[in-house]
């Protein structure tokens, strides 16, 4: 009986080793972040997103028998927009830019189909590293304000695996407040965002 248990354990470990695959790679791409403001009463805001770069690394643990995989990533991402603020009382408009750099840590769970296509979703843990607001000079109505140091969004998307290439189109949604990019006439609007990302990755090496 003991030999039987040992044999079953050996077979089980062999099965798990053959059923899983681990890979590591690098990726880079483009981001476009659309910001929405709430708690706005004395002005109107038009926000135009800028296209920025993102880059980082990823790992992927695949359970090949059922097609599931877990993919954590570390991505350096920049969110940037141009703001046009129109005062409702005076009708005057002011244009300025705002940008924020983040280290994003998404943890994605996906399903691979036909050995090529992937669908996935998961949380993205966002860590603010710095921000910059180019406020208009000599306009005392504006003051700088701080975004939150840590926020969490949700990512979901589709991917394509071509040999060692990993192509992804993903969308990120932040429904809770990320903080305020500025203060106008004593009011700090709360910001949420939705970001579209296109990325191309390259598998550097794999294990198992």
Protein backbone atom coordinates (compact mmCIF):
# COMPACT_ATOMS: atom_id res chain seq x y z
CA UNK A 1 0.00 0.00 0.00
CA UNK A 2 2.83 2.40 0.85
CA UNK A 3 4.44 1.77 -2.53
CA UNK A 4 1.11 2.49 -4.19
CA UNK A 5 0.86 5.88 -2.44
CA UNK A 6 4.43 6.72 -3.46
CA UNK A 7 3.67 5.78 -7.05
CA UNK A 8 0.51 7.91 -7.08
CA UNK A 9 2.42 10.87 -5.62
CA UNK A 10 5.14 10.55 -8.25
CA UNK A 11 2.59 10.33 -11.03
CA UNK A 12 0.75 13.35 -9.62
CA UNK A 13 3.89 15.48 -9.44
CA UNK A 14 4.84 14.46 -12.98
CA UNK A 15 1.36 15.39 -14.18
CA UNK A 16 1.49 18.82 -12.53
CA UNK A 17 4.91 19.52 -13.98
CA UNK A 18 3.71 18.63 -17.47
CA UNK A 19 0.39 20.47 -17.06
CA UNK A 20 1.90 23.82 -16.17
CA UNK A 21 4.14 26.21 -18.01
CA UNK A 22 5.80 29.36 -16.73
CA UNK A 23 7.08 32.15 -18.98
CA UNK A 24 8.63 35.59 -18.53
CA UNK A 25 8.83 38.47 -20.96
CA UNK A 26 8.96 42.19 -21.66
CA UNK A 27 6.22 44.37 -23.12
CA UNK A 28 5.59 47.94 -24.26
CA UNK A 29 2.78 49.86 -25.86
CA UNK A 30 0.54 52.92 -26.00
CA UNK A 31 -1.96 54.28 -23.48
CA UNK A 32 -4.82 56.75 -23.79
CA UNK A 33 -6.51 57.77 -20.53
CA UNK A 34 -9.93 59.45 -20.51
CA UNK A 35 -10.56 61.34 -17.26
CA UNK A 36 -14.01 62.22 -15.91
CA UNK A 37 -14.62 64.81 -13.18
CA UNK A 38 -17.31 64.94 -10.53
CA UNK A 39 -18.05 67.49 -7.78
CA UNK A 40 -18.07 70.21 -10.43
CA UNK A 41 -20.47 73.12 -9.92
CA UNK A 42 -18.88 76.43 -10.86
CA UNK A 43 -17.14 75.46 -14.09
CA UNK A 44 -17.36 73.24 -17.17
CA UNK A 45 -14.48 70.94 -18.10
CA UNK A 46 -13.40 69.55 -21.45
CA UNK A 47 -10.68 66.91 -21.13
CA UNK A 48 -8.68 65.64 -24.10
CA UNK A 49 -6.46 62.59 -23.50
CA UNK A 50 -2.88 62.40 -24.75
CA UNK A 51 -1.35 59.20 -26.11
CA UNK A 52 1.54 58.05 -23.92
CA UNK A 53 3.96 55.13 -23.68
CA UNK A 54 3.92 52.22 -21.25
CA UNK A 55 6.53 49.50 -20.70
CA UNK A 56 7.38 46.75 -18.27
CA UNK A 57 7.60 43.01 -17.67
CA UNK A 58 5.21 40.12 -17.25
CA UNK A 59 5.11 36.54 -16.04
CA UNK A 60 2.57 33.91 -17.00
CA UNK A 61 1.70 30.63 -15.31
CA UNK A 62 -0.35 28.47 -17.66
CA UNK A 63 -2.36 25.39 -16.75
CA UNK A 64 -2.32 23.91 -20.22
CA UNK A 65 -4.86 21.13 -19.67
CA UNK A 66 -7.76 23.53 -19.11
CA UNK A 67 -6.36 26.65 -20.79
CA UNK A 68 -6.36 28.89 -17.71
CA UNK A 69 -3.44 31.15 -16.83
CA UNK A 70 -2.46 33.78 -14.28
CA UNK A 71 -0.40 36.74 -15.49
CA UNK A 72 1.06 39.31 -13.08
CA UNK A 73 2.72 42.37 -14.62
CA UNK A 74 4.78 45.37 -13.57
CA UNK A 75 4.14 48.30 -15.91
CA UNK A 76 5.43 51.87 -15.88
CA UNK A 77 2.55 53.94 -17.19
CA UNK A 78 1.94 57.63 -17.82
CA UNK A 79 -1.47 59.25 -17.85
CA UNK A 80 -1.69 62.70 -19.47
CA UNK A 81 -4.50 65.02 -20.51
CA UNK A 82 -5.22 68.58 -21.64
CA UNK A 83 -7.87 70.43 -19.63
CA UNK A 84 -10.08 73.26 -20.85
CA UNK A 85 -11.84 74.86 -17.87
CA UNK A 86 -14.68 77.32 -18.57
CA UNK A 87 -15.98 79.45 -15.72
CA UNK A 88 -19.79 79.40 -15.82
CA UNK A 89 -20.17 82.88 -14.31
CA UNK A 90 -17.67 84.76 -16.49
CA UNK A 91 -17.47 82.55 -19.58
CA UNK A 92 -13.67 82.72 -19.51
CA UNK A 93 -11.72 79.59 -20.46
CA UNK A 94 -8.30 78.41 -19.37
CA UNK A 95 -6.26 75.58 -20.92
CA UNK A 96 -3.57 73.61 -19.11
CA UNK A 97 -2.06 70.12 -19.02
CA UNK A 98 -1.79 67.47 -16.32
CA UNK A 99 0.24 64.26 -16.22
CA UNK A 100 0.83 61.51 -13.67
CA UNK A 101 3.31 58.64 -13.65
CA UNK A 102 2.34 55.30 -12.13
CA UNK A 103 3.77 51.88 -11.48
CA UNK A 104 0.90 49.53 -12.33
CA UNK A 105 0.74 45.98 -11.00
CA UNK A 106 -2.11 44.13 -12.73
CA UNK A 107 -2.86 40.53 -11.77
CA UNK A 108 -4.80 39.03 -14.65
CA UNK A 109 -6.61 35.71 -14.87
CA UNK A 110 -7.30 34.51 -18.39
CA UNK A 111 -8.43 31.71 -20.63
CA UNK A 112 -6.57 30.67 -23.78
CA UNK A 113 -8.47 29.32 -26.77
CA UNK A 114 -7.26 27.55 -29.91
CA UNK A 115 -3.63 28.05 -28.73
CA UNK A 116 -3.76 31.63 -30.05
CA UNK A 117 -6.51 33.76 -28.55
CA UNK A 118 -6.86 34.91 -24.95
CA UNK A 119 -9.48 36.68 -22.85
CA UNK A 120 -8.68 37.94 -19.36
CA UNK A 121 -9.56 40.25 -16.50
CA UNK A 122 -8.26 41.20 -13.08
CA UNK A 123 -7.39 43.99 -10.64
CA UNK A 124 -4.70 46.57 -11.32
CA UNK A 125 -2.91 47.98 -8.28
CA UNK A 126 -1.71 51.51 -9.11
CA UNK A 127 1.09 53.35 -7.31
CA UNK A 128 1.57 57.04 -8.07
CA UNK A 129 5.24 58.04 -8.42
CA UNK A 130 4.88 61.70 -9.43
CA UNK A 131 2.52 64.17 -11.07
CA UNK A 132 2.75 67.53 -12.81
CA UNK A 133 0.10 70.19 -13.39
CA UNK A 134 0.98 73.14 -15.65
CA UNK A 135 -1.42 75.62 -14.11
CA UNK A 136 -1.95 79.01 -15.77
CA UNK A 137 0.40 81.73 -14.53
CA UNK A 138 -1.09 84.63 -12.52
CA UNK A 139 -4.48 82.93 -12.15
CA UNK A 140 -5.22 82.72 -8.43
CA UNK A 141 -8.40 80.70 -9.00
CA UNK A 142 -6.29 77.57 -9.59
CA UNK A 143 -4.22 75.65 -7.08
CA UNK A 144 -2.40 72.36 -7.30
CA UNK A 145 -3.96 69.29 -5.71
CA UNK A 146 -2.76 65.75 -5.10
CA UNK A 147 -3.94 62.49 -6.57
CA UNK A 148 -4.14 59.45 -4.31
CA UNK A 149 -0.87 57.60 -3.81
CA UNK A 150 -2.50 54.18 -4.23
CA UNK A 151 -5.61 53.22 -6.19
CA UNK A 152 -7.06 50.07 -7.69
CA UNK A 153 -8.65 49.63 -11.11
CA UNK A 154 -10.05 46.73 -13.10
CA UNK A 155 -8.50 45.57 -16.39
CA UNK A 156 -10.05 43.33 -19.02
CA UNK A 157 -9.06 42.58 -22.57
CA UNK A 158 -8.17 40.21 -25.36
CA UNK A 159 -4.83 38.91 -26.55
CA UNK A 160 -3.13 37.03 -29.34
CA UNK A 161 -0.06 34.76 -29.04
CA UNK A 162 2.07 34.45 -32.19
CA UNK A 163 5.16 32.34 -31.53
CA UNK A 164 7.01 34.47 -28.94
CA UNK A 165 4.95 37.63 -29.53
CA UNK A 166 2.18 38.61 -27.11
CA UNK A 167 -0.26 41.20 -28.51
CA UNK A 168 -2.84 42.73 -26.17
CA UNK A 169 -5.71 45.20 -26.32
CA UNK A 170 -6.99 45.98 -22.84
CA UNK A 171 -9.24 48.47 -21.12
CA UNK A 172 -8.87 49.71 -17.57
CA UNK A 173 -11.67 51.17 -15.48
CA UNK A 174 -11.32 53.21 -12.29
CA UNK A 175 -14.78 53.77 -10.83
CA UNK A 176 -13.61 55.01 -7.43
CA UNK A 177 -11.96 58.40 -6.98
CA UNK A 178 -8.29 58.70 -7.94
CA UNK A 179 -8.07 62.07 -6.20
CA UNK A 180 -8.11 65.57 -7.60
CA UNK A 181 -5.74 66.90 -10.29
CA UNK A 182 -6.36 70.58 -9.32
CA UNK A 183 -8.47 72.95 -7.24
CA UNK A 184 -10.56 75.73 -8.81
CA UNK A 185 -12.11 78.47 -6.68
CA UNK A 186 -11.70 76.31 -3.61
CA UNK A 187 -13.39 73.26 -5.17
CA UNK A 188 -11.39 70.05 -5.74
CA UNK A 189 -13.13 67.91 -8.37
CA UNK A 190 -12.94 64.15 -7.95
CA UNK A 191 -11.49 62.21 -10.91
CA UNK A 192 -12.19 58.76 -12.32
CA UNK A 193 -10.77 57.34 -15.52
CA UNK A 194 -11.01 54.77 -18.26
CA UNK A 195 -7.84 53.89 -20.15
CA UNK A 196 -7.28 52.02 -23.40
CA UNK A 197 -3.94 50.23 -23.81
CA UNK A 198 -2.35 48.49 -26.78
CA UNK A 199 0.72 46.41 -25.95
CA UNK A 200 3.17 44.09 -27.67
CA UNK A 201 5.17 41.67 -25.54
CA UNK A 202 8.00 39.26 -26.22
CA UNK A 203 8.53 35.97 -24.42
CA UNK A 204 12.13 35.96 -23.20
CA UNK A 205 12.22 32.47 -21.72
CA UNK A 206 10.00 29.81 -20.19
CA UNK A 207 10.20 27.06 -17.59
CA UNK A 208 8.75 23.56 -17.54
